[in-house]
Amino acid sequence: MPRGHTQIPVAAIETGVPALIEAREIIAAFHLMIRRKAEGDLCPWIERGRASLVASFANGVDRDISAVRAAITSGWSNGQTEGQITKLKLVKRQMYGRGKLDLLEARLLGHAI
């Protein structure tokens, strides 16, 4: 499908519901704040978010503001850990009812049985 066809319905929806444009801009601002590590923009973003369609998300960010601040300012990431956990769960589901822990360990670590 050509690119222009998907933009027409979005534009039509946004014309009918202008609050969606603002919500999209607020979410884009959140992503930009995270990427730029602009921790100083967090409180103004929460206030702007609370007055929009993403109020529930903004309230959740505010409830866990210390973790969000740490995520913005910290150079650490748990992405590698989350990837390993996802891999483990995938293999575990694939093997459900087929083997015990020794087979799971062999499959994950590549040991010969």
N, C-alpha and C. Protein backbone atom coordinates (compact mmCIF):
# COMPACT_ATOMS: atom_id res chain seq x y z
N MET A 1 0.85 -1.18 0.00
CA MET A 1 0.00 0.00 0.00
C MET A 1 0.90 1.24 0.00
N PRO A 2 0.67 2.17 -0.90
CA PRO A 2 1.48 3.39 -0.93
C PRO A 2 1.36 4.17 0.36
N ARG A 3 2.41 4.86 0.67
CA ARG A 3 2.49 5.58 1.95
C ARG A 3 1.37 6.59 2.14
N GLY A 4 0.99 7.29 1.11
CA GLY A 4 -0.02 8.32 1.21
C GLY A 4 -1.38 7.81 1.66
N HIS A 5 -1.68 6.56 1.35
CA HIS A 5 -2.98 6.00 1.72
C HIS A 5 -3.14 5.82 3.22
N THR A 6 -2.07 5.51 3.93
CA THR A 6 -2.18 5.33 5.37
C THR A 6 -2.25 6.66 6.10
N GLN A 7 -1.75 7.72 5.51
CA GLN A 7 -1.76 9.02 6.15
C GLN A 7 -3.12 9.71 6.05
N ILE A 8 -3.87 9.39 5.06
CA ILE A 8 -5.17 10.04 4.88
C ILE A 8 -6.11 9.70 6.04
N PRO A 9 -6.29 8.43 6.42
CA PRO A 9 -7.18 8.15 7.55
C PRO A 9 -6.68 8.76 8.87
N VAL A 10 -5.39 8.74 9.10
CA VAL A 10 -4.86 9.34 10.33
C VAL A 10 -5.17 10.82 10.35
N ALA A 11 -4.94 11.50 9.24
CA ALA A 11 -5.23 12.93 9.17
C ALA A 11 -6.72 13.19 9.37
N ALA A 12 -7.56 12.33 8.81
CA ALA A 12 -9.00 12.52 8.96
C ALA A 12 -9.43 12.32 10.41
N ILE A 13 -8.86 11.32 11.05
CA ILE A 13 -9.18 11.07 12.47
C ILE A 13 -8.70 12.23 13.33
N GLU A 14 -7.46 12.68 13.08
CA GLU A 14 -6.93 13.78 13.88
C GLU A 14 -7.72 15.07 13.65
N THR A 15 -8.25 15.26 12.46
CA THR A 15 -9.08 16.44 12.20
C THR A 15 -10.35 16.37 13.03
N GLY A 16 -10.91 15.18 13.15
CA GLY A 16 -12.13 15.01 13.92
C GLY A 16 -11.90 15.03 15.42
N VAL A 17 -10.71 14.65 15.85
CA VAL A 17 -10.39 14.60 17.28
C VAL A 17 -9.05 15.31 17.51
N PRO A 18 -9.05 16.63 17.62
CA PRO A 18 -7.81 17.39 17.77
C PRO A 18 -6.98 16.99 19.00
N ALA A 19 -7.62 16.44 20.01
CA ALA A 19 -6.87 16.03 21.21
C ALA A 19 -5.88 14.91 20.89
N LEU A 20 -6.15 14.15 19.81
CA LEU A 20 -5.21 13.09 19.42
C LEU A 20 -3.89 13.67 18.93
N ILE A 21 -3.95 14.80 18.27
CA ILE A 21 -2.72 15.46 17.80
C ILE A 21 -1.87 15.83 19.00
N GLU A 22 -2.49 16.44 19.99
CA GLU A 22 -1.77 16.84 21.19
C GLU A 22 -1.21 15.62 21.92
N ALA A 23 -1.99 14.55 22.02
CA ALA A 23 -1.53 13.34 22.70
C ALA A 23 -0.31 12.76 21.98
N ARG A 24 -0.35 12.73 20.65
CA ARG A 24 0.80 12.24 19.87
C ARG A 24 2.03 13.10 20.11
N GLU A 25 1.84 14.40 20.15
CA GLU A 25 2.96 15.31 20.41
C GLU A 25 3.53 15.13 21.82
N ILE A 26 2.66 14.89 22.79
CA ILE A 26 3.12 14.69 24.17
C ILE A 26 3.93 13.41 24.29
N ILE A 27 3.47 12.35 23.65
CA ILE A 27 4.22 11.08 23.67
C ILE A 27 5.55 11.25 22.94
N ALA A 28 5.55 11.96 21.82
CA ALA A 28 6.81 12.21 21.11
C ALA A 28 7.77 13.01 21.98
N ALA A 29 7.24 13.97 22.75
CA ALA A 29 8.08 14.76 23.65
C ALA A 29 8.67 13.88 24.75
N PHE A 30 7.90 12.90 25.22
CA PHE A 30 8.41 11.97 26.24
C PHE A 30 9.56 11.15 25.67
N HIS A 31 9.38 10.61 24.47
CA HIS A 31 10.46 9.85 23.83
C HIS A 31 11.71 10.69 23.65
N LEU A 32 11.53 11.92 23.20
CA LEU A 32 12.66 12.82 23.00
C LEU A 32 13.36 13.12 24.32
N MET A 33 12.58 13.34 25.39
CA MET A 33 13.15 13.60 26.71
C MET A 33 14.01 12.42 27.16
N ILE A 34 13.53 11.21 26.94
CA ILE A 34 14.28 10.01 27.31
C ILE A 34 15.56 9.91 26.49
N ARG A 35 15.45 10.07 25.17
CA ARG A 35 16.62 9.96 24.30
C ARG A 35 17.68 11.01 24.61
N ARG A 36 17.23 12.23 24.92
CA ARG A 36 18.18 13.32 25.20
C ARG A 36 18.63 13.35 26.65
N LYS A 37 18.02 12.48 27.48
CA LYS A 37 18.33 12.43 28.92
C LYS A 37 18.10 13.80 29.56
N ALA A 38 16.98 14.43 29.19
CA ALA A 38 16.62 15.77 29.66
C ALA A 38 15.74 15.65 30.90
N GLU A 39 16.33 15.29 32.03
CA GLU A 39 15.60 15.07 33.27
C GLU A 39 14.86 16.32 33.74
N GLY A 40 15.37 17.49 33.43
CA GLY A 40 14.73 18.75 33.82
C GLY A 40 13.38 18.99 33.17
N ASP A 41 13.12 18.28 32.07
CA ASP A 41 11.84 18.43 31.37
C ASP A 41 10.75 17.54 31.94
N LEU A 42 11.08 16.69 32.91
CA LEU A 42 10.14 15.69 33.39
C LEU A 42 8.91 16.29 34.07
N CYS A 43 9.10 17.17 35.04
CA CYS A 43 7.94 17.75 35.75
C CYS A 43 7.03 18.55 34.82
N PRO A 44 7.58 19.42 33.95
CA PRO A 44 6.68 20.11 33.01
C PRO A 44 5.96 19.12 32.08
N TRP A 45 6.63 18.04 31.69
CA TRP A 45 5.98 17.05 30.83
C TRP A 45 4.82 16.39 31.57
N ILE A 46 5.01 16.06 32.84
CA ILE A 46 3.93 15.42 33.62
C ILE A 46 2.72 16.34 33.69
N GLU A 47 2.95 17.61 33.96
CA GLU A 47 1.83 18.56 34.04
C GLU A 47 1.11 18.67 32.70
N ARG A 48 1.87 18.71 31.61
CA ARG A 48 1.25 18.79 30.28
C ARG A 48 0.48 17.50 29.98
N GLY A 49 1.06 16.38 30.35
CA GLY A 49 0.42 15.09 30.11
C GLY A 49 -0.86 14.91 30.89
N ARG A 50 -0.89 15.43 32.11
CA ARG A 50 -2.09 15.29 32.96
C ARG A 50 -3.31 16.01 32.37
N ALA A 51 -3.07 17.00 31.55
CA ALA A 51 -4.17 17.77 30.97
C ALA A 51 -4.53 17.27 29.57
N SER A 52 -4.19 16.01 29.26
CA SER A 52 -4.42 15.49 27.92
C SER A 52 -5.01 14.08 27.97
N LEU A 53 -5.10 13.47 26.81
CA LEU A 53 -5.61 12.10 26.71
C LEU A 53 -4.67 11.07 27.32
N VAL A 54 -3.42 11.46 27.57
CA VAL A 54 -2.44 10.53 28.15
C VAL A 54 -2.29 10.77 29.65
N ALA A 55 -3.34 11.29 30.27
CA ALA A 55 -3.29 11.62 31.70
C ALA A 55 -2.99 10.39 32.56
N SER A 56 -3.53 9.26 32.20
CA SER A 56 -3.30 8.03 32.97
C SER A 56 -1.82 7.67 32.95
N PHE A 57 -1.19 7.77 31.77
CA PHE A 57 0.23 7.49 31.65
C PHE A 57 1.05 8.50 32.45
N ALA A 58 0.70 9.78 32.33
CA ALA A 58 1.43 10.84 33.06
C ALA A 58 1.31 10.63 34.56
N ASN A 59 0.14 10.23 35.03
CA ASN A 59 -0.03 9.96 36.46
C ASN A 59 0.82 8.77 36.90
N GLY A 60 0.90 7.75 36.05
CA GLY A 60 1.75 6.60 36.35
C GLY A 60 3.22 6.99 36.42
N VAL A 61 3.65 7.85 35.52
CA VAL A 61 5.03 8.34 35.54
C VAL A 61 5.28 9.11 36.84
N ASP A 62 4.32 9.92 37.24
CA ASP A 62 4.46 10.69 38.47
C ASP A 62 4.50 9.79 39.71
N ARG A 63 3.67 8.74 39.72
CA ARG A 63 3.68 7.82 40.87
C ARG A 63 5.02 7.13 41.03
N ASP A 64 5.71 6.89 39.92
CA ASP A 64 7.00 6.20 39.97
C ASP A 64 8.11 7.12 39.48
N ILE A 65 8.04 8.38 39.89
CA ILE A 65 8.94 9.40 39.36
C ILE A 65 10.42 9.12 39.66
N SER A 66 10.70 8.52 40.81
CA SER A 66 12.10 8.25 41.13
C SER A 66 12.70 7.24 40.15
N ALA A 67 11.93 6.23 39.78
CA ALA A 67 12.43 5.25 38.81
C ALA A 67 12.57 5.88 37.42
N VAL A 68 11.64 6.74 37.07
CA VAL A 68 11.71 7.41 35.76
C VAL A 68 12.92 8.34 35.71
N ARG A 69 13.16 9.08 36.80
CA ARG A 69 14.35 9.94 36.86
C ARG A 69 15.62 9.11 36.71
N ALA A 70 15.67 7.98 37.40
CA ALA A 70 16.84 7.11 37.30
C ALA A 70 17.02 6.59 35.89
N ALA A 71 15.92 6.24 35.23
CA ALA A 71 16.00 5.75 33.85
C ALA A 71 16.52 6.83 32.90
N ILE A 72 16.14 8.07 33.16
CA ILE A 72 16.58 9.17 32.30
C ILE A 72 18.05 9.50 32.54
N THR A 73 18.46 9.55 33.79
CA THR A 73 19.81 10.02 34.11
C THR A 73 20.86 8.94 34.15
N SER A 74 20.47 7.71 34.37
CA SER A 74 21.44 6.63 34.52
C SER A 74 21.95 6.14 33.17
N GLY A 75 23.20 5.79 33.14
CA GLY A 75 23.78 5.20 31.94
C GLY A 75 23.56 3.70 31.87
N TRP A 76 23.02 3.14 32.94
CA TRP A 76 22.81 1.70 33.02
C TRP A 76 21.52 1.32 32.32
N SER A 77 21.50 0.10 31.80
CA SER A 77 20.31 -0.42 31.15
C SER A 77 20.14 -1.89 31.50
N ASN A 78 18.91 -2.33 31.65
CA ASN A 78 18.68 -3.74 31.91
C ASN A 78 18.24 -4.47 30.65
N GLY A 79 18.48 -3.87 29.50
CA GLY A 79 18.09 -4.46 28.22
C GLY A 79 18.69 -5.83 27.99
N GLN A 80 19.98 -6.00 28.30
CA GLN A 80 20.64 -7.29 28.11
C GLN A 80 19.99 -8.36 28.98
N THR A 81 19.72 -8.01 30.23
CA THR A 81 19.07 -8.95 31.15
C THR A 81 17.69 -9.33 30.64
N GLU A 82 16.91 -8.34 30.23
CA GLU A 82 15.56 -8.62 29.74
C GLU A 82 15.61 -9.52 28.51
N GLY A 83 16.59 -9.32 27.64
CA GLY A 83 16.73 -10.17 26.46
C GLY A 83 17.01 -11.62 26.83
N GLN A 84 17.88 -11.83 27.82
CA GLN A 84 18.19 -13.19 28.26
C GLN A 84 16.97 -13.85 28.89
N ILE A 85 16.21 -13.10 29.67
CA ILE A 85 15.00 -13.64 30.29
C ILE A 85 13.98 -14.03 29.22
N THR A 86 13.83 -13.18 28.22
CA THR A 86 12.91 -13.48 27.12
C THR A 86 13.31 -14.76 26.41
N LYS A 87 14.61 -14.91 26.15
CA LYS A 87 15.12 -16.12 25.49
C LYS A 87 14.83 -17.35 26.35
N LEU A 88 15.10 -17.26 27.65
CA LEU A 88 14.84 -18.38 28.56
C LEU A 88 13.37 -18.77 28.55
N LYS A 89 12.48 -17.78 28.62
CA LYS A 89 11.05 -18.07 28.63
C LYS A 89 10.60 -18.70 27.32
N LEU A 90 11.15 -18.25 26.20
CA LEU A 90 10.80 -18.81 24.90
C LEU A 90 11.18 -20.28 24.84
N VAL A 91 12.41 -20.59 25.23
CA VAL A 91 12.87 -21.98 25.19
C VAL A 91 12.05 -22.83 26.16
N LYS A 92 11.77 -22.30 27.32
CA LYS A 92 10.98 -23.03 28.31
C LYS A 92 9.59 -23.37 27.76
N ARG A 93 8.97 -22.41 27.09
CA ARG A 93 7.64 -22.66 26.51
C ARG A 93 7.71 -23.70 25.39
N GLN A 94 8.76 -23.62 24.57
CA GLN A 94 8.91 -24.57 23.48
C GLN A 94 9.10 -25.99 24.00
N MET A 95 9.71 -26.12 25.17
CA MET A 95 10.03 -27.43 25.72
C MET A 95 8.99 -27.92 26.71
N TYR A 96 7.93 -27.20 26.91
CA TYR A 96 6.95 -27.56 27.94
C TYR A 96 6.52 -29.01 27.79
N GLY A 97 6.70 -29.79 28.85
CA GLY A 97 6.31 -31.19 28.87
C GLY A 97 7.25 -32.12 28.15
N ARG A 98 8.37 -31.64 27.66
CA ARG A 98 9.29 -32.47 26.88
C ARG A 98 10.56 -32.85 27.61
N GLY A 99 10.91 -32.11 28.65
CA GLY A 99 12.17 -32.41 29.31
C GLY A 99 12.25 -31.77 30.67
N LYS A 100 13.32 -32.09 31.36
CA LYS A 100 13.54 -31.57 32.70
C LYS A 100 14.60 -30.46 32.63
N LEU A 101 15.07 -30.02 33.78
CA LEU A 101 16.03 -28.92 33.85
C LEU A 101 17.33 -29.23 33.13
N ASP A 102 17.79 -30.49 33.13
CA ASP A 102 19.05 -30.82 32.47
C ASP A 102 18.96 -30.56 30.96
N LEU A 103 17.82 -30.88 30.35
CA LEU A 103 17.64 -30.64 28.93
C LEU A 103 17.53 -29.13 28.64
N LEU A 104 16.83 -28.42 29.52
CA LEU A 104 16.72 -26.96 29.38
C LEU A 104 18.10 -26.31 29.46
N GLU A 105 18.89 -26.74 30.43
CA GLU A 105 20.24 -26.20 30.58
C GLU A 105 21.08 -26.50 29.35
N ALA A 106 20.99 -27.72 28.84
CA ALA A 106 21.74 -28.09 27.64
C ALA A 106 21.34 -27.24 26.45
N ARG A 107 20.06 -26.98 26.34
CA ARG A 107 19.58 -26.20 25.21
C ARG A 107 20.03 -24.74 25.29
N LEU A 108 20.02 -24.18 26.51
CA LEU A 108 20.40 -22.79 26.68
C LEU A 108 21.90 -22.57 26.63
N LEU A 109 22.65 -23.49 27.21
CA LEU A 109 24.10 -23.31 27.29
C LEU A 109 24.86 -24.04 26.20
N GLY A 110 24.16 -24.93 25.47
CA GLY A 110 24.81 -25.63 24.37
C GLY A 110 25.64 -26.82 24.80
N HIS A 111 25.42 -27.36 25.99
CA HIS A 111 26.15 -28.53 26.45
C HIS A 111 25.64 -29.79 25.78
N ALA A 112 26.53 -30.73 25.58
CA ALA A 112 26.12 -32.04 25.06
C ALA A 112 25.46 -32.83 26.18
N ILE A 113 24.42 -33.55 25.84
CA ILE A 113 23.69 -34.34 26.85
C ILE A 113 24.33 -35.69 27.00
